[in-house]
N, C-alpha and C. Protein backbone atom coordinates (compact mmCIF):
# COMPACT_ATOMS: atom_id res chain seq x y z
N MET A 1 27.66 112.70 165.91
CA MET A 1 27.20 113.68 164.99
C MET A 1 28.37 114.41 164.36
N LYS A 2 29.41 114.64 165.17
CA LYS A 2 30.58 115.29 164.62
C LYS A 2 31.21 114.42 163.54
N ARG A 3 31.22 113.12 163.85
CA ARG A 3 31.82 112.22 162.88
C ARG A 3 31.01 112.24 161.58
N TYR A 4 29.69 112.24 161.68
CA TYR A 4 28.82 112.27 160.52
C TYR A 4 29.07 113.55 159.74
N SER A 5 29.22 114.70 160.40
CA SER A 5 29.47 115.98 159.74
C SER A 5 30.83 115.97 159.07
N ALA A 6 31.82 115.35 159.73
CA ALA A 6 33.15 115.29 159.15
C ALA A 6 33.13 114.42 157.89
N ILE A 7 32.43 113.29 157.93
CA ILE A 7 32.35 112.42 156.75
C ILE A 7 31.61 113.14 155.62
N LEU A 8 30.55 113.83 155.97
CA LEU A 8 29.79 114.58 154.98
C LEU A 8 30.65 115.66 154.35
N LEU A 9 31.45 116.33 155.17
CA LEU A 9 32.35 117.37 154.69
C LEU A 9 33.41 116.77 153.77
N LEU A 10 33.98 115.62 154.15
CA LEU A 10 35.00 114.96 153.32
C LEU A 10 34.40 114.49 151.99
N VAL A 11 33.22 113.93 152.00
CA VAL A 11 32.57 113.48 150.77
C VAL A 11 32.28 114.68 149.87
N SER A 12 31.85 115.78 150.44
CA SER A 12 31.56 116.99 149.66
C SER A 12 32.83 117.53 149.02
N LEU A 13 33.92 117.56 149.81
CA LEU A 13 35.21 118.02 149.27
C LEU A 13 35.68 117.09 148.16
N LEU A 14 35.53 115.80 148.38
CA LEU A 14 35.94 114.83 147.38
C LEU A 14 35.14 115.01 146.10
N LEU A 15 33.86 115.24 146.22
CA LEU A 15 33.02 115.48 145.04
C LEU A 15 33.44 116.75 144.31
N LEU A 16 33.77 117.77 145.04
CA LEU A 16 34.23 119.02 144.41
C LEU A 16 35.53 118.81 143.66
N VAL A 17 36.46 118.09 144.26
CA VAL A 17 37.75 117.82 143.61
C VAL A 17 37.53 117.01 142.34
N VAL A 18 36.75 115.95 142.44
CA VAL A 18 36.51 115.08 141.28
C VAL A 18 35.80 115.86 140.17
N SER A 19 34.80 116.64 140.52
CA SER A 19 34.07 117.39 139.49
C SER A 19 34.97 118.46 138.87
N GLY A 20 35.85 119.05 139.64
CA GLY A 20 36.80 120.03 139.09
C GLY A 20 37.74 119.39 138.11
N CYS A 21 38.23 118.18 138.43
CA CYS A 21 39.11 117.46 137.52
C CYS A 21 38.36 117.09 136.25
N ALA A 22 37.12 116.71 136.38
CA ALA A 22 36.34 116.33 135.21
C ALA A 22 36.16 117.53 134.28
N PHE A 23 35.95 118.72 134.85
CA PHE A 23 35.80 119.91 134.01
C PHE A 23 37.10 120.22 133.29
N GLN A 24 38.23 119.94 133.94
CA GLN A 24 39.51 120.20 133.29
C GLN A 24 39.79 119.19 132.19
N LEU A 25 39.31 117.96 132.35
CA LEU A 25 39.53 116.95 131.34
C LEU A 25 38.68 117.16 130.09
N ILE A 26 37.52 117.74 130.27
CA ILE A 26 36.64 117.99 129.14
C ILE A 26 36.96 119.38 128.60
N GLU A 27 37.58 119.37 127.42
CA GLU A 27 37.94 120.66 126.81
C GLU A 27 36.83 121.11 125.88
N ALA A 28 36.75 122.39 125.75
CA ALA A 28 35.78 122.95 124.82
C ALA A 28 36.20 122.55 123.41
N PRO A 29 35.25 122.27 122.53
CA PRO A 29 35.62 121.92 121.17
C PRO A 29 36.33 123.10 120.50
N PRO A 30 37.28 122.79 119.62
CA PRO A 30 38.02 123.87 118.98
C PRO A 30 37.09 124.71 118.11
N GLU A 31 37.44 125.97 117.98
CA GLU A 31 36.67 126.87 117.11
C GLU A 31 36.83 126.38 115.68
N PRO A 32 35.74 126.31 114.94
CA PRO A 32 35.90 125.88 113.55
C PRO A 32 36.73 126.91 112.78
N GLU A 33 37.61 126.38 111.90
CA GLU A 33 38.44 127.28 111.12
C GLU A 33 37.56 128.05 110.15
N SER A 34 37.90 129.29 109.99
CA SER A 34 37.16 130.12 109.06
C SER A 34 37.41 129.61 107.65
N GLN A 35 36.35 129.23 106.99
CA GLN A 35 36.48 128.73 105.63
C GLN A 35 35.98 129.78 104.67
N ASP A 36 36.76 129.99 103.60
CA ASP A 36 36.38 130.95 102.58
C ASP A 36 35.28 130.31 101.74
N THR A 37 34.10 130.86 101.80
CA THR A 37 32.97 130.29 101.08
C THR A 37 32.82 130.89 99.69
N THR A 38 33.65 131.85 99.35
CA THR A 38 33.55 132.42 98.02
C THR A 38 34.20 131.47 97.02
N GLU A 39 33.50 131.21 95.95
CA GLU A 39 34.02 130.31 94.92
C GLU A 39 34.87 131.10 93.94
N ALA A 40 35.88 130.45 93.41
CA ALA A 40 36.71 131.08 92.40
C ALA A 40 35.86 131.31 91.16
N PRO A 41 36.10 132.42 90.47
CA PRO A 41 35.30 132.67 89.27
C PRO A 41 35.57 131.60 88.21
N THR A 42 34.56 131.31 87.41
CA THR A 42 34.71 130.34 86.34
C THR A 42 34.84 131.02 84.98
N SER A 43 34.63 132.33 84.95
CA SER A 43 34.78 133.08 83.71
C SER A 43 34.83 134.57 84.03
N TYR A 44 35.29 135.34 83.07
CA TYR A 44 35.27 136.79 83.18
C TYR A 44 35.26 137.39 81.78
N PRO A 45 34.72 138.59 81.64
CA PRO A 45 34.69 139.21 80.31
C PRO A 45 36.09 139.71 79.93
N ALA A 46 36.51 139.42 78.71
CA ALA A 46 37.77 139.95 78.20
C ALA A 46 37.52 141.39 77.77
N THR A 47 38.34 142.31 78.27
CA THR A 47 38.14 143.73 77.96
C THR A 47 39.42 144.42 77.51
N LYS A 48 40.52 143.67 77.48
CA LYS A 48 41.82 144.25 77.10
C LYS A 48 42.67 143.16 76.47
N PRO A 49 43.65 143.53 75.65
CA PRO A 49 44.46 142.53 74.95
C PRO A 49 45.08 141.49 75.87
N GLU A 50 45.54 141.89 77.05
CA GLU A 50 46.19 140.95 77.97
C GLU A 50 45.29 139.78 78.33
N ASP A 51 43.98 139.97 78.22
CA ASP A 51 43.04 138.91 78.57
C ASP A 51 43.07 137.75 77.57
N ILE A 52 43.52 138.01 76.33
CA ILE A 52 43.44 136.96 75.31
C ILE A 52 44.78 136.66 74.64
N VAL A 53 45.86 137.35 75.04
CA VAL A 53 47.17 137.10 74.42
C VAL A 53 47.54 135.64 74.59
N GLY A 54 47.99 135.02 73.51
CA GLY A 54 48.40 133.62 73.55
C GLY A 54 47.93 132.88 72.32
N VAL A 55 48.13 131.57 72.35
CA VAL A 55 47.77 130.70 71.22
C VAL A 55 46.48 129.97 71.55
N TRP A 56 45.55 130.01 70.63
CA TRP A 56 44.24 129.39 70.80
C TRP A 56 43.94 128.52 69.59
N ASP A 57 43.26 127.42 69.81
CA ASP A 57 42.81 126.53 68.74
C ASP A 57 41.47 127.07 68.25
N HIS A 58 41.40 127.33 66.95
CA HIS A 58 40.28 128.07 66.40
C HIS A 58 39.69 127.33 65.19
N ALA A 59 38.38 127.34 65.06
CA ALA A 59 37.72 126.74 63.89
C ALA A 59 37.92 127.66 62.70
N PHE A 60 38.37 127.09 61.58
CA PHE A 60 38.58 127.89 60.37
C PHE A 60 38.19 127.03 59.18
N MET A 61 37.04 127.34 58.58
CA MET A 61 36.55 126.64 57.41
C MET A 61 36.52 125.12 57.63
N GLY A 62 35.98 124.71 58.75
CA GLY A 62 35.81 123.30 59.04
C GLY A 62 37.03 122.60 59.61
N GLN A 63 38.14 123.31 59.79
CA GLN A 63 39.34 122.72 60.37
C GLN A 63 39.67 123.44 61.67
N ARG A 64 40.51 122.81 62.48
CA ARG A 64 41.01 123.47 63.70
C ARG A 64 42.39 124.01 63.36
N VAL A 65 42.57 125.31 63.58
CA VAL A 65 43.81 125.99 63.22
C VAL A 65 44.28 126.83 64.41
N PRO A 66 45.56 126.73 64.78
CA PRO A 66 46.06 127.61 65.84
C PRO A 66 46.02 129.07 65.39
N ILE A 67 45.64 129.92 66.30
CA ILE A 67 45.63 131.36 66.05
C ILE A 67 46.32 132.01 67.25
N ARG A 68 47.12 133.04 67.00
CA ARG A 68 47.84 133.69 68.10
C ARG A 68 47.49 135.16 68.14
N TYR A 69 47.07 135.59 69.32
CA TYR A 69 46.87 137.00 69.60
C TYR A 69 48.16 137.50 70.23
N ALA A 70 48.92 138.29 69.48
CA ALA A 70 50.21 138.80 69.96
C ALA A 70 49.99 140.04 70.82
N GLU A 71 50.96 140.31 71.68
CA GLU A 71 50.87 141.46 72.59
C GLU A 71 50.78 142.79 71.85
N ASP A 72 51.37 142.84 70.64
CA ASP A 72 51.38 144.10 69.88
C ASP A 72 50.10 144.34 69.07
N GLY A 73 49.10 143.44 69.21
CA GLY A 73 47.84 143.61 68.50
C GLY A 73 47.79 142.92 67.15
N THR A 74 48.83 142.15 66.83
CA THR A 74 48.83 141.41 65.57
C THR A 74 48.17 140.06 65.78
N LEU A 75 47.43 139.65 64.78
CA LEU A 75 46.72 138.38 64.80
C LEU A 75 47.41 137.45 63.81
N TYR A 76 47.82 136.26 64.27
CA TYR A 76 48.53 135.30 63.43
C TYR A 76 47.76 134.00 63.32
N TYR A 77 47.80 133.41 62.14
CA TYR A 77 47.33 132.04 61.94
C TYR A 77 48.55 131.18 61.70
N TYR A 78 48.47 129.91 62.09
CA TYR A 78 49.51 128.94 61.78
C TYR A 78 48.91 128.00 60.75
N MET A 79 49.41 128.11 59.53
CA MET A 79 48.78 127.39 58.43
C MET A 79 49.74 126.41 57.79
N GLY A 80 49.16 125.41 57.15
CA GLY A 80 49.95 124.44 56.40
C GLY A 80 50.51 123.36 57.30
N SER A 81 51.16 122.39 56.66
CA SER A 81 51.67 121.24 57.40
C SER A 81 52.85 121.61 58.30
N PHE A 82 53.50 122.75 58.04
CA PHE A 82 54.64 123.13 58.87
C PHE A 82 54.28 124.23 59.86
N TYR A 83 53.02 124.56 59.95
CA TYR A 83 52.54 125.58 60.88
C TYR A 83 53.37 126.87 60.79
N ARG A 84 53.58 127.32 59.59
CA ARG A 84 54.31 128.58 59.48
C ARG A 84 53.38 129.72 59.89
N GLU A 85 53.95 130.63 60.59
CA GLU A 85 53.17 131.75 61.12
C GLU A 85 52.96 132.79 60.03
N GLU A 86 51.71 133.18 59.83
CA GLU A 86 51.40 134.21 58.87
C GLU A 86 50.53 135.26 59.55
N ALA A 87 50.90 136.52 59.36
CA ALA A 87 50.09 137.59 59.93
C ALA A 87 48.74 137.61 59.23
N LEU A 88 47.72 137.61 60.00
CA LEU A 88 46.36 137.58 59.47
C LEU A 88 45.73 138.95 59.49
N GLY A 89 46.07 139.72 60.48
CA GLY A 89 45.44 141.03 60.63
C GLY A 89 45.82 141.62 61.96
N GLU A 90 44.91 142.42 62.48
CA GLU A 90 45.18 143.05 63.78
C GLU A 90 43.90 143.06 64.61
N TYR A 91 44.10 143.23 65.91
CA TYR A 91 42.96 143.26 66.83
C TYR A 91 43.18 144.34 67.87
N TRP A 92 42.10 144.77 68.48
CA TRP A 92 42.15 145.76 69.55
C TRP A 92 40.82 145.70 70.31
N PHE A 93 40.80 146.30 71.47
CA PHE A 93 39.57 146.39 72.26
C PHE A 93 39.11 147.83 72.26
N GLU A 94 37.83 147.99 72.08
CA GLU A 94 37.19 149.30 72.11
C GLU A 94 35.86 149.12 72.83
N ASP A 95 35.60 149.95 73.82
CA ASP A 95 34.36 149.82 74.62
C ASP A 95 34.16 148.40 75.14
N ASP A 96 35.27 147.79 75.60
CA ASP A 96 35.26 146.43 76.17
C ASP A 96 34.83 145.35 75.17
N LYS A 97 34.92 145.65 73.88
CA LYS A 97 34.59 144.67 72.85
C LYS A 97 35.81 144.44 71.97
N LEU A 98 35.98 143.18 71.54
CA LEU A 98 37.08 142.81 70.66
C LEU A 98 36.74 143.25 69.24
N HIS A 99 37.65 144.00 68.63
CA HIS A 99 37.54 144.40 67.22
C HIS A 99 38.72 143.78 66.50
N PHE A 100 38.49 143.25 65.33
CA PHE A 100 39.63 142.77 64.55
C PHE A 100 39.32 142.88 63.07
N VAL A 101 40.37 142.98 62.33
CA VAL A 101 40.27 142.99 60.87
C VAL A 101 41.27 141.96 60.35
N GLU A 102 40.78 141.11 59.47
CA GLU A 102 41.62 140.09 58.86
C GLU A 102 41.97 140.54 57.46
N SER A 103 43.24 140.63 57.18
CA SER A 103 43.65 141.09 55.86
C SER A 103 44.28 139.99 55.02
N LEU A 104 44.51 138.82 55.59
CA LEU A 104 45.18 137.74 54.88
C LEU A 104 44.41 137.33 53.64
N ALA A 105 43.14 137.15 53.74
CA ALA A 105 42.33 136.69 52.60
C ALA A 105 41.59 137.84 51.94
N GLY A 106 42.07 139.06 52.13
CA GLY A 106 41.42 140.21 51.53
C GLY A 106 40.17 140.66 52.26
N LEU A 107 39.93 140.11 53.44
CA LEU A 107 38.77 140.52 54.24
C LEU A 107 39.17 141.73 55.07
N ASN A 108 38.91 142.88 54.57
CA ASN A 108 39.27 144.09 55.31
C ASN A 108 38.08 144.64 56.07
N THR A 109 37.20 143.75 56.48
CA THR A 109 36.04 144.16 57.26
C THR A 109 36.31 143.93 58.74
N VAL A 110 35.79 144.80 59.54
CA VAL A 110 36.00 144.70 60.99
C VAL A 110 34.89 143.85 61.59
N GLY A 111 35.31 142.88 62.42
CA GLY A 111 34.37 142.08 63.19
C GLY A 111 34.41 142.56 64.63
N ILE A 112 33.25 142.67 65.26
CA ILE A 112 33.17 143.13 66.65
C ILE A 112 32.49 142.03 67.46
N TYR A 113 33.15 141.65 68.56
CA TYR A 113 32.67 140.55 69.38
C TYR A 113 32.79 140.87 70.87
N SER A 114 31.88 140.33 71.65
CA SER A 114 32.09 140.30 73.10
C SER A 114 32.78 138.97 73.37
N VAL A 115 33.70 138.98 74.32
CA VAL A 115 34.51 137.79 74.59
C VAL A 115 34.45 137.47 76.08
N THR A 116 34.26 136.20 76.37
CA THR A 116 34.31 135.71 77.74
C THR A 116 35.44 134.70 77.84
N VAL A 117 36.29 134.89 78.83
CA VAL A 117 37.37 133.94 79.10
C VAL A 117 36.84 132.93 80.11
N GLU A 118 36.81 131.67 79.71
CA GLU A 118 36.34 130.61 80.61
C GLU A 118 37.55 129.99 81.30
N LEU A 119 37.41 129.73 82.60
CA LEU A 119 38.51 129.24 83.42
C LEU A 119 38.24 127.84 83.95
N GLU A 120 39.34 127.13 84.16
CA GLU A 120 39.29 125.84 84.83
C GLU A 120 40.46 125.83 85.80
N ASN A 121 40.18 125.69 87.08
CA ASN A 121 41.21 125.76 88.12
C ASN A 121 41.97 127.08 88.04
N GLY A 122 41.26 128.14 87.70
CA GLY A 122 41.86 129.47 87.65
C GLY A 122 42.67 129.77 86.40
N GLU A 123 42.75 128.83 85.47
CA GLU A 123 43.53 129.02 84.24
C GLU A 123 42.58 129.14 83.05
N PRO A 124 42.93 129.99 82.07
CA PRO A 124 42.07 130.11 80.88
C PRO A 124 42.08 128.81 80.07
N VAL A 125 40.89 128.38 79.64
CA VAL A 125 40.80 127.18 78.83
C VAL A 125 40.02 127.41 77.53
N ARG A 126 39.22 128.48 77.50
CA ARG A 126 38.37 128.70 76.32
C ARG A 126 37.99 130.17 76.22
N LEU A 127 37.90 130.64 75.00
CA LEU A 127 37.33 131.96 74.73
C LEU A 127 35.98 131.73 74.07
N SER A 128 34.95 132.31 74.64
CA SER A 128 33.62 132.26 74.04
C SER A 128 33.37 133.62 73.41
N LEU A 129 33.10 133.63 72.12
CA LEU A 129 32.88 134.87 71.40
C LEU A 129 31.43 134.95 70.94
N THR A 130 30.86 136.13 71.07
CA THR A 130 29.51 136.39 70.60
C THR A 130 29.59 137.55 69.63
N GLY A 131 29.18 137.31 68.39
CA GLY A 131 29.24 138.35 67.37
C GLY A 131 28.28 139.48 67.67
N ILE A 132 28.80 140.70 67.63
CA ILE A 132 27.96 141.89 67.80
C ILE A 132 27.71 142.51 66.43
N ASP A 133 28.79 142.60 65.65
CA ASP A 133 28.67 143.14 64.30
C ASP A 133 29.81 142.55 63.47
N ASP A 134 29.47 141.68 62.55
CA ASP A 134 30.46 141.10 61.65
C ASP A 134 29.78 140.83 60.31
N PRO A 135 30.17 141.55 59.27
CA PRO A 135 29.53 141.36 57.97
C PRO A 135 29.89 140.02 57.31
N ASP A 136 30.90 139.32 57.81
CA ASP A 136 31.30 138.04 57.25
C ASP A 136 30.65 136.91 58.05
N GLY A 137 29.59 136.35 57.49
CA GLY A 137 28.83 135.31 58.18
C GLY A 137 29.63 134.05 58.45
N MET A 138 30.53 133.65 57.53
CA MET A 138 31.34 132.44 57.76
C MET A 138 32.31 132.66 58.91
N ARG A 139 32.94 133.82 58.93
CA ARG A 139 33.88 134.13 60.01
C ARG A 139 33.15 134.14 61.35
N LYS A 140 31.98 134.75 61.37
CA LYS A 140 31.19 134.80 62.60
C LYS A 140 30.85 133.40 63.08
N ALA A 141 30.44 132.52 62.15
CA ALA A 141 30.10 131.14 62.53
C ALA A 141 31.32 130.43 63.10
N ASP A 142 32.50 130.66 62.50
CA ASP A 142 33.73 130.04 63.01
C ASP A 142 34.06 130.55 64.41
N TYR A 143 34.06 131.86 64.58
CA TYR A 143 34.45 132.43 65.87
C TYR A 143 33.46 132.08 66.98
N GLU A 144 32.20 131.98 66.65
CA GLU A 144 31.22 131.68 67.69
C GLU A 144 31.28 130.23 68.16
N GLN A 145 32.10 129.40 67.51
CA GLN A 145 32.34 128.04 68.02
C GLN A 145 33.28 128.07 69.21
N GLY A 146 33.95 129.19 69.41
CA GLY A 146 34.86 129.34 70.54
C GLY A 146 36.28 128.96 70.18
N LEU A 147 37.21 129.37 71.02
CA LEU A 147 38.62 129.08 70.84
C LEU A 147 39.11 128.36 72.08
N LEU A 148 39.92 127.32 71.89
CA LEU A 148 40.43 126.53 73.01
C LEU A 148 41.89 126.87 73.25
N TRP A 149 42.28 127.01 74.51
CA TRP A 149 43.65 127.37 74.88
C TRP A 149 44.63 126.29 74.46
N MET A 150 45.78 126.71 73.94
CA MET A 150 46.88 125.80 73.61
C MET A 150 48.11 126.32 74.33
N GLU A 151 48.90 125.41 74.89
CA GLU A 151 50.13 125.83 75.56
C GLU A 151 51.07 126.48 74.57
N GLU A 152 51.14 125.91 73.38
CA GLU A 152 52.03 126.42 72.34
C GLU A 152 51.56 125.86 71.01
N VAL A 153 52.12 126.38 69.94
CA VAL A 153 51.78 125.88 68.62
C VAL A 153 52.33 124.47 68.48
N PRO A 154 51.54 123.52 68.01
CA PRO A 154 52.04 122.15 67.89
C PRO A 154 53.23 122.08 66.94
N SER A 155 54.12 121.20 67.24
CA SER A 155 55.29 121.00 66.40
C SER A 155 54.88 120.31 65.10
N SER A 156 55.53 120.66 64.02
CA SER A 156 55.22 120.03 62.74
C SER A 156 55.98 118.73 62.57
N GLU A 157 56.81 118.39 63.54
CA GLU A 157 57.62 117.16 63.43
C GLU A 157 56.85 115.95 63.86
């Protein structure tokens, strides 16, 4: 009987050792990494000049023409085969709306638009304009087609 108890004790100890090793070999699965589930914005409302400063491809009387919103509030068109820069007018934001007046063609009327900057991979790619008050119907139709981002004015060469 002693021998039977000793064998039973040895088997029990052996089972404890083996099961302890098995628990050490089986590791808990790693904690899942915290993933940011917030998506990057795809657009935002333009409310200040810095939101639209740069060169944009713009519809003008059935053609695509580069237009530049300068930091100082001057609006430039690049016209002709040599893309010479000509001051067109000025722009500013008031009550989070884009206001501009074009004086190049004698249009001294103010157009007022809400502007949305559309993003792709966090970079601006398009300005969407919605006319709020613009007495020039042709200009409104052109601007509401949107403006596409350009890295720079194309070379005339």
